[in-house]
N, C-alpha and C. Protein backbone atom coordinates (compact mmCIF):
# COMPACT_ATOMS: atom_id res chain seq x y z
N MET A 1 169.98 147.18 183.56
CA MET A 1 170.75 146.00 183.20
C MET A 1 171.29 146.16 181.79
N LYS A 2 172.55 145.93 181.63
CA LYS A 2 173.09 145.96 180.27
C LYS A 2 173.44 144.53 179.87
N GLU A 3 173.02 144.16 178.72
CA GLU A 3 173.29 142.82 178.22
C GLU A 3 174.59 142.85 177.44
N VAL A 4 175.43 141.83 177.63
CA VAL A 4 176.74 141.80 177.01
C VAL A 4 176.66 141.82 175.49
N TYR A 5 175.64 141.24 174.92
CA TYR A 5 175.57 141.14 173.47
C TYR A 5 174.93 142.36 172.83
N MET A 6 174.77 143.44 173.56
CA MET A 6 174.24 144.66 172.98
C MET A 6 175.30 145.39 172.18
N LYS A 7 176.55 144.94 172.25
CA LYS A 7 177.61 145.55 171.47
C LYS A 7 177.34 145.28 169.99
N MET A 8 177.76 146.21 169.16
CA MET A 8 177.58 146.08 167.72
C MET A 8 178.25 144.81 167.21
N GLY A 9 177.53 144.04 166.44
CA GLY A 9 178.10 142.85 165.82
C GLY A 9 178.10 141.61 166.70
N THR A 10 177.45 141.66 167.87
CA THR A 10 177.39 140.47 168.70
C THR A 10 175.94 140.04 168.89
N VAL A 11 175.75 138.74 169.00
CA VAL A 11 174.43 138.17 169.23
C VAL A 11 174.55 137.03 170.23
N PRO A 12 173.52 136.82 171.07
CA PRO A 12 173.57 135.67 171.98
C PRO A 12 173.27 134.39 171.22
N PHE A 13 173.81 133.27 171.67
CA PHE A 13 173.48 132.02 171.00
C PHE A 13 172.04 131.62 171.28
N ARG A 14 171.46 132.15 172.37
CA ARG A 14 170.05 131.97 172.67
C ARG A 14 169.61 133.08 173.61
N GLU A 15 168.50 133.71 173.31
CA GLU A 15 167.99 134.82 174.12
C GLU A 15 167.53 134.34 175.49
N GLY A 16 167.70 135.20 176.50
CA GLY A 16 167.13 134.97 177.82
C GLY A 16 167.86 134.02 178.73
N LEU A 17 169.10 133.65 178.40
CA LEU A 17 169.84 132.71 179.24
C LEU A 17 170.79 133.38 180.22
N PHE A 18 171.26 134.57 179.88
CA PHE A 18 172.31 135.20 180.69
C PHE A 18 172.26 136.71 180.53
N LEU A 19 172.96 137.40 181.44
CA LEU A 19 173.12 138.84 181.34
C LEU A 19 174.38 139.27 182.06
N MET A 20 174.82 140.47 181.75
CA MET A 20 175.93 141.12 182.44
C MET A 20 175.37 142.37 183.11
N GLU A 21 175.75 142.56 184.36
CA GLU A 21 175.34 143.76 185.07
C GLU A 21 176.50 144.19 185.96
N ASP A 22 176.94 145.42 185.79
CA ASP A 22 178.06 145.94 186.58
C ASP A 22 179.26 145.00 186.54
N GLU A 23 179.60 144.55 185.32
CA GLU A 23 180.76 143.66 185.11
C GLU A 23 180.62 142.28 185.76
N ARG A 24 179.42 141.90 186.18
CA ARG A 24 179.18 140.57 186.75
C ARG A 24 178.28 139.79 185.82
N ALA A 25 178.57 138.50 185.68
CA ALA A 25 177.78 137.62 184.82
C ALA A 25 176.76 136.86 185.66
N PHE A 26 175.58 136.66 185.08
CA PHE A 26 174.53 135.89 185.73
C PHE A 26 173.85 134.99 184.70
N LEU A 27 173.43 133.81 185.13
CA LEU A 27 172.52 132.99 184.35
C LEU A 27 171.11 133.34 184.79
N LEU A 28 170.16 133.24 183.87
CA LEU A 28 168.77 133.56 184.18
C LEU A 28 167.96 132.27 184.23
N GLY A 29 167.48 131.94 185.40
CA GLY A 29 166.67 130.75 185.58
C GLY A 29 165.35 131.12 186.22
N ASN A 30 164.68 130.11 186.77
CA ASN A 30 163.48 130.41 187.55
C ASN A 30 163.33 129.40 188.68
N LYS A 31 162.44 129.79 189.62
CA LYS A 31 162.23 129.00 190.83
C LYS A 31 160.74 128.85 191.07
N CYS A 32 160.33 127.63 191.38
CA CYS A 32 158.92 127.35 191.64
C CYS A 32 158.51 128.01 192.95
N ALA A 33 157.43 128.79 192.89
CA ALA A 33 156.92 129.46 194.09
C ALA A 33 156.28 128.47 195.05
N THR A 34 155.90 127.29 194.58
CA THR A 34 155.24 126.31 195.42
C THR A 34 156.24 125.43 196.17
N CYS A 35 157.16 124.79 195.45
CA CYS A 35 158.07 123.83 196.10
C CYS A 35 159.52 124.31 196.18
N GLY A 36 159.86 125.38 195.49
CA GLY A 36 161.21 125.93 195.57
C GLY A 36 162.22 125.34 194.61
N GLN A 37 161.81 124.42 193.73
CA GLN A 37 162.73 123.83 192.77
C GLN A 37 163.25 124.91 191.83
N ILE A 38 164.57 124.87 191.57
CA ILE A 38 165.22 125.85 190.70
C ILE A 38 165.52 125.19 189.36
N TYR A 39 165.39 125.98 188.28
CA TYR A 39 165.63 125.49 186.92
C TYR A 39 166.53 126.43 186.14
N PHE A 40 167.38 125.84 185.32
CA PHE A 40 168.12 126.55 184.29
C PHE A 40 168.29 125.58 183.15
N PRO A 41 167.90 126.00 181.94
CA PRO A 41 167.19 127.24 181.65
C PRO A 41 165.79 127.23 182.26
N SER A 42 165.15 128.41 182.22
CA SER A 42 163.81 128.57 182.79
C SER A 42 162.82 127.60 182.17
N ARG A 43 161.85 127.20 182.97
CA ARG A 43 160.79 126.28 182.54
C ARG A 43 159.44 126.98 182.68
N PRO A 44 158.45 126.59 181.87
CA PRO A 44 157.14 127.23 181.95
C PRO A 44 156.33 126.80 183.18
N PHE A 45 156.65 125.63 183.74
CA PHE A 45 156.01 125.14 184.95
C PHE A 45 156.99 124.24 185.68
N CYS A 46 156.71 123.90 186.92
CA CYS A 46 157.60 123.07 187.72
C CYS A 46 157.45 121.60 187.34
N PHE A 47 158.54 120.95 187.02
CA PHE A 47 158.52 119.54 186.68
C PHE A 47 158.40 118.65 187.92
N GLU A 48 158.62 119.21 189.11
CA GLU A 48 158.52 118.45 190.36
C GLU A 48 157.09 118.39 190.88
N CYS A 49 156.44 119.58 191.01
CA CYS A 49 155.11 119.63 191.62
C CYS A 49 154.03 120.10 190.64
N PHE A 50 154.45 120.40 189.40
CA PHE A 50 153.55 120.90 188.35
C PHE A 50 152.95 122.27 188.67
N GLY A 51 153.58 122.99 189.62
CA GLY A 51 153.15 124.35 189.92
C GLY A 51 153.39 125.26 188.73
N GLU A 52 152.53 126.24 188.57
CA GLU A 52 152.64 127.15 187.44
C GLU A 52 153.21 128.51 187.81
N ALA A 53 153.36 128.79 189.10
CA ALA A 53 153.93 130.06 189.55
C ALA A 53 155.45 129.94 189.59
N MET A 54 156.09 130.49 188.57
CA MET A 54 157.54 130.41 188.44
C MET A 54 158.12 131.82 188.52
N ASN A 55 159.04 132.03 189.46
CA ASN A 55 159.65 133.34 189.65
C ASN A 55 161.04 133.39 189.05
N PRO A 56 161.37 134.45 188.31
CA PRO A 56 162.71 134.56 187.73
C PRO A 56 163.77 134.75 188.82
N ILE A 57 164.94 134.13 188.61
CA ILE A 57 166.07 134.30 189.53
C ILE A 57 167.36 134.38 188.72
N ARG A 58 168.39 134.91 189.36
CA ARG A 58 169.74 134.93 188.79
C ARG A 58 170.55 133.84 189.47
N LEU A 59 171.39 133.15 188.72
CA LEU A 59 172.23 132.13 189.30
C LEU A 59 173.55 131.93 188.58
N GLY A 60 174.38 131.12 189.21
CA GLY A 60 175.53 130.57 188.53
C GLY A 60 176.81 131.36 188.48
N ALA A 61 176.98 132.44 189.24
CA ALA A 61 178.22 133.20 189.15
C ALA A 61 179.41 132.38 189.67
N GLN A 62 179.19 131.54 190.66
CA GLN A 62 180.25 130.71 191.23
C GLN A 62 179.77 129.27 191.27
N GLY A 63 180.71 128.35 191.15
CA GLY A 63 180.34 126.95 191.20
C GLY A 63 181.54 126.06 191.45
N THR A 64 181.27 124.76 191.40
CA THR A 64 182.29 123.74 191.62
C THR A 64 182.21 122.74 190.47
N LEU A 65 183.36 122.35 189.95
CA LEU A 65 183.39 121.41 188.83
C LEU A 65 182.96 120.02 189.31
N TYR A 66 181.86 119.52 188.74
CA TYR A 66 181.35 118.20 189.08
C TYR A 66 181.97 117.13 188.18
N SER A 67 181.99 117.41 186.88
CA SER A 67 182.54 116.47 185.90
C SER A 67 182.83 117.21 184.61
N TYR A 68 183.71 116.66 183.78
CA TYR A 68 184.01 117.30 182.50
C TYR A 68 184.54 116.27 181.51
N THR A 69 184.58 116.69 180.26
CA THR A 69 185.16 115.88 179.21
C THR A 69 185.87 116.77 178.21
N VAL A 70 186.87 116.23 177.58
CA VAL A 70 187.56 116.94 176.51
C VAL A 70 187.20 116.21 175.22
N SER A 71 186.63 116.95 174.28
CA SER A 71 186.20 116.34 173.03
C SER A 71 187.23 116.60 171.93
N TYR A 72 187.51 115.55 171.16
CA TYR A 72 188.43 115.66 170.04
C TYR A 72 187.70 115.50 168.71
N MET A 73 186.37 115.42 168.77
CA MET A 73 185.54 115.33 167.57
C MET A 73 185.13 116.74 167.16
N PRO A 74 185.21 117.06 165.88
CA PRO A 74 184.77 118.38 165.44
C PRO A 74 183.27 118.55 165.65
N SER A 75 182.86 119.79 165.90
CA SER A 75 181.44 120.11 165.98
C SER A 75 181.18 121.31 165.07
N ALA A 76 179.93 121.69 164.97
CA ALA A 76 179.57 122.79 164.08
C ALA A 76 180.24 124.10 164.50
N HIS A 77 180.49 124.29 165.80
CA HIS A 77 180.99 125.58 166.25
C HIS A 77 182.27 125.54 167.07
N PHE A 78 182.70 124.39 167.51
CA PHE A 78 183.88 124.31 168.36
C PHE A 78 184.96 123.49 167.69
N THR A 79 186.18 124.03 167.72
CA THR A 79 187.33 123.36 167.14
C THR A 79 187.97 122.47 168.21
N PRO A 80 188.20 121.21 167.90
CA PRO A 80 188.80 120.34 168.91
C PRO A 80 190.27 120.71 169.18
N PRO A 81 190.77 120.40 170.34
CA PRO A 81 190.02 119.87 171.48
C PRO A 81 189.28 120.99 172.21
N TYR A 82 188.11 120.69 172.70
CA TYR A 82 187.34 121.65 173.51
C TYR A 82 186.78 120.91 174.71
N THR A 83 186.53 121.66 175.76
CA THR A 83 186.12 121.09 177.04
C THR A 83 184.72 121.55 177.40
N ALA A 84 183.93 120.64 177.93
CA ALA A 84 182.59 120.96 178.44
C ALA A 84 182.38 120.13 179.69
N GLY A 85 181.49 120.60 180.55
CA GLY A 85 181.26 119.85 181.77
C GLY A 85 180.08 120.34 182.57
N TRP A 86 179.90 119.71 183.71
CA TRP A 86 178.81 120.01 184.64
C TRP A 86 179.39 120.80 185.80
N ILE A 87 178.72 121.91 186.12
CA ILE A 87 179.13 122.77 187.21
C ILE A 87 178.01 122.79 188.24
N ASP A 88 178.34 122.48 189.49
CA ASP A 88 177.38 122.62 190.59
C ASP A 88 177.42 124.07 191.03
N VAL A 89 176.33 124.81 190.79
CA VAL A 89 176.30 126.22 191.18
C VAL A 89 175.80 126.35 192.61
N VAL A 90 176.11 127.48 193.20
CA VAL A 90 175.81 127.73 194.61
C VAL A 90 174.33 127.54 194.93
N GLU A 91 173.47 127.85 193.98
CA GLU A 91 172.03 127.76 194.20
C GLU A 91 171.50 126.33 194.26
N GLY A 92 172.36 125.34 194.05
CA GLY A 92 171.97 123.95 194.26
C GLY A 92 171.56 123.17 193.03
N ILE A 93 171.84 123.68 191.85
CA ILE A 93 171.56 122.91 190.64
C ILE A 93 172.86 122.70 189.86
N ARG A 94 172.80 121.85 188.88
CA ARG A 94 173.96 121.52 188.05
C ARG A 94 173.73 122.08 186.65
N VAL A 95 174.72 122.81 186.14
CA VAL A 95 174.63 123.48 184.84
C VAL A 95 175.65 122.87 183.89
N PHE A 96 175.22 122.53 182.67
CA PHE A 96 176.14 122.04 181.64
C PHE A 96 176.63 123.24 180.84
N ALA A 97 177.95 123.33 180.62
CA ALA A 97 178.48 124.49 179.93
C ALA A 97 179.85 124.19 179.33
N PRO A 98 180.23 124.98 178.31
CA PRO A 98 181.62 124.92 177.86
C PRO A 98 182.53 125.37 179.00
N ILE A 99 183.74 124.86 179.00
CA ILE A 99 184.73 125.25 180.01
C ILE A 99 185.96 125.76 179.27
N ARG A 100 186.40 126.93 179.64
CA ARG A 100 187.58 127.53 179.01
C ARG A 100 188.78 127.33 179.94
N VAL A 101 189.78 126.65 179.41
CA VAL A 101 191.03 126.45 180.15
C VAL A 101 192.18 127.02 179.33
N LYS A 102 193.16 127.53 180.01
CA LYS A 102 194.35 128.04 179.34
C LYS A 102 195.23 126.87 178.95
N GLU A 103 196.05 127.06 177.94
CA GLU A 103 196.95 126.01 177.51
C GLU A 103 197.83 125.56 178.67
N GLY A 104 197.88 124.25 178.89
CA GLY A 104 198.68 123.68 179.96
C GLY A 104 197.96 123.63 181.31
N GLN A 105 196.79 124.27 181.40
CA GLN A 105 196.04 124.27 182.65
C GLN A 105 195.29 122.95 182.79
N THR A 106 195.23 122.43 184.00
CA THR A 106 194.51 121.19 184.24
C THR A 106 193.25 121.46 185.05
N LEU A 107 192.29 120.58 184.89
CA LEU A 107 191.05 120.66 185.65
C LEU A 107 191.04 119.54 186.68
N ASP A 108 190.47 119.83 187.84
CA ASP A 108 190.33 118.83 188.89
C ASP A 108 188.89 118.85 189.38
N ILE A 109 188.28 117.69 189.47
CA ILE A 109 186.93 117.60 190.02
C ILE A 109 186.93 118.26 191.39
N GLY A 110 185.92 119.10 191.63
CA GLY A 110 185.81 119.79 192.91
C GLY A 110 186.43 121.17 192.93
N MET A 111 187.13 121.55 191.84
CA MET A 111 187.75 122.87 191.84
C MET A 111 186.71 123.97 191.64
N LYS A 112 187.01 125.16 192.14
CA LYS A 112 186.12 126.30 192.01
C LYS A 112 186.09 126.79 190.57
N MET A 113 184.89 127.17 190.13
CA MET A 113 184.70 127.66 188.76
C MET A 113 183.94 128.98 188.81
N GLU A 114 184.17 129.83 187.80
CA GLU A 114 183.44 131.09 187.73
C GLU A 114 182.80 131.25 186.36
N LEU A 115 181.64 131.87 186.36
CA LEU A 115 180.87 132.11 185.15
C LEU A 115 181.46 133.26 184.37
N VAL A 116 181.53 133.11 183.04
CA VAL A 116 182.03 134.14 182.15
C VAL A 116 181.07 134.22 180.96
N ILE A 117 180.80 135.43 180.50
CA ILE A 117 180.06 135.62 179.26
C ILE A 117 181.08 136.07 178.23
N ASP A 118 181.23 135.32 177.15
CA ASP A 118 182.28 135.62 176.19
C ASP A 118 181.90 135.05 174.82
N GLU A 119 182.72 135.36 173.84
CA GLU A 119 182.50 134.83 172.49
C GLU A 119 182.66 133.32 172.49
N LEU A 120 181.70 132.65 171.86
CA LEU A 120 181.77 131.21 171.68
C LEU A 120 182.27 130.84 170.29
N TRP A 121 181.80 131.58 169.27
CA TRP A 121 182.25 131.36 167.91
C TRP A 121 181.91 132.58 167.06
N GLN A 122 182.40 132.56 165.83
CA GLN A 122 182.14 133.62 164.85
C GLN A 122 181.20 133.09 163.78
N GLU A 123 180.26 133.93 163.36
CA GLU A 123 179.40 133.64 162.21
C GLU A 123 179.54 134.82 161.27
N GLY A 124 180.40 134.67 160.28
CA GLY A 124 180.67 135.77 159.38
C GLY A 124 181.30 136.92 160.14
N GLU A 125 180.63 138.07 160.13
CA GLU A 125 181.14 139.26 160.83
C GLU A 125 180.60 139.36 162.25
N ARG A 126 179.71 138.46 162.63
CA ARG A 126 179.09 138.53 163.96
C ARG A 126 179.80 137.61 164.95
N SER A 127 179.83 138.09 166.18
CA SER A 127 180.37 137.32 167.28
C SER A 127 179.20 136.73 168.06
N VAL A 128 179.16 135.41 168.18
CA VAL A 128 178.11 134.74 168.94
C VAL A 128 178.63 134.55 170.36
N VAL A 129 177.91 135.14 171.33
CA VAL A 129 178.36 135.08 172.72
C VAL A 129 177.44 134.17 173.53
N GLY A 130 177.99 133.67 174.61
CA GLY A 130 177.24 132.80 175.49
C GLY A 130 177.94 132.65 176.81
N TYR A 131 177.41 131.78 177.65
CA TYR A 131 177.99 131.55 178.96
C TYR A 131 178.96 130.38 178.91
N LEU A 132 179.97 130.46 179.72
CA LEU A 132 180.93 129.38 179.91
C LEU A 132 181.52 129.54 181.29
N TYR A 133 182.25 128.54 181.71
CA TYR A 133 182.91 128.61 183.01
C TYR A 133 184.41 128.46 182.81
N ARG A 134 185.15 128.97 183.77
CA ARG A 134 186.60 128.84 183.79
C ARG A 134 187.04 128.65 185.23
N PRO A 135 188.21 128.01 185.43
CA PRO A 135 188.69 127.87 186.80
C PRO A 135 188.83 129.23 187.46
N GLY A 136 188.44 129.30 188.71
CA GLY A 136 188.53 130.58 189.40
C GLY A 136 188.13 130.44 190.76
């Protein structure tokens, strides 16, 4: 497995959330061995049945836009306007993520979305990378 942020000068915004393998992006979550509940990000135990046997899984390459918002307020790392929303992934959970849209592109609830690992912001000479979704 090669991690996207192994390139010189790049760092993940948080370790253990995502990876790239053979040009495909994956989110890293886990699944309860007892009841089957899936989590992203990973949890130390199941919040549904309190089971402690949690198995790692990959998720989130494809999804459907559940809801989104466009923010016009500045944040520490994103220049307004920026878009974020909830994506229903194929594995049956909802993931909150930045959404990248091209200028003039519109979003529609229910549209297909795809996971991308890309630069989120710059910190000095370093590129901070993370997961986001885009129409696809």
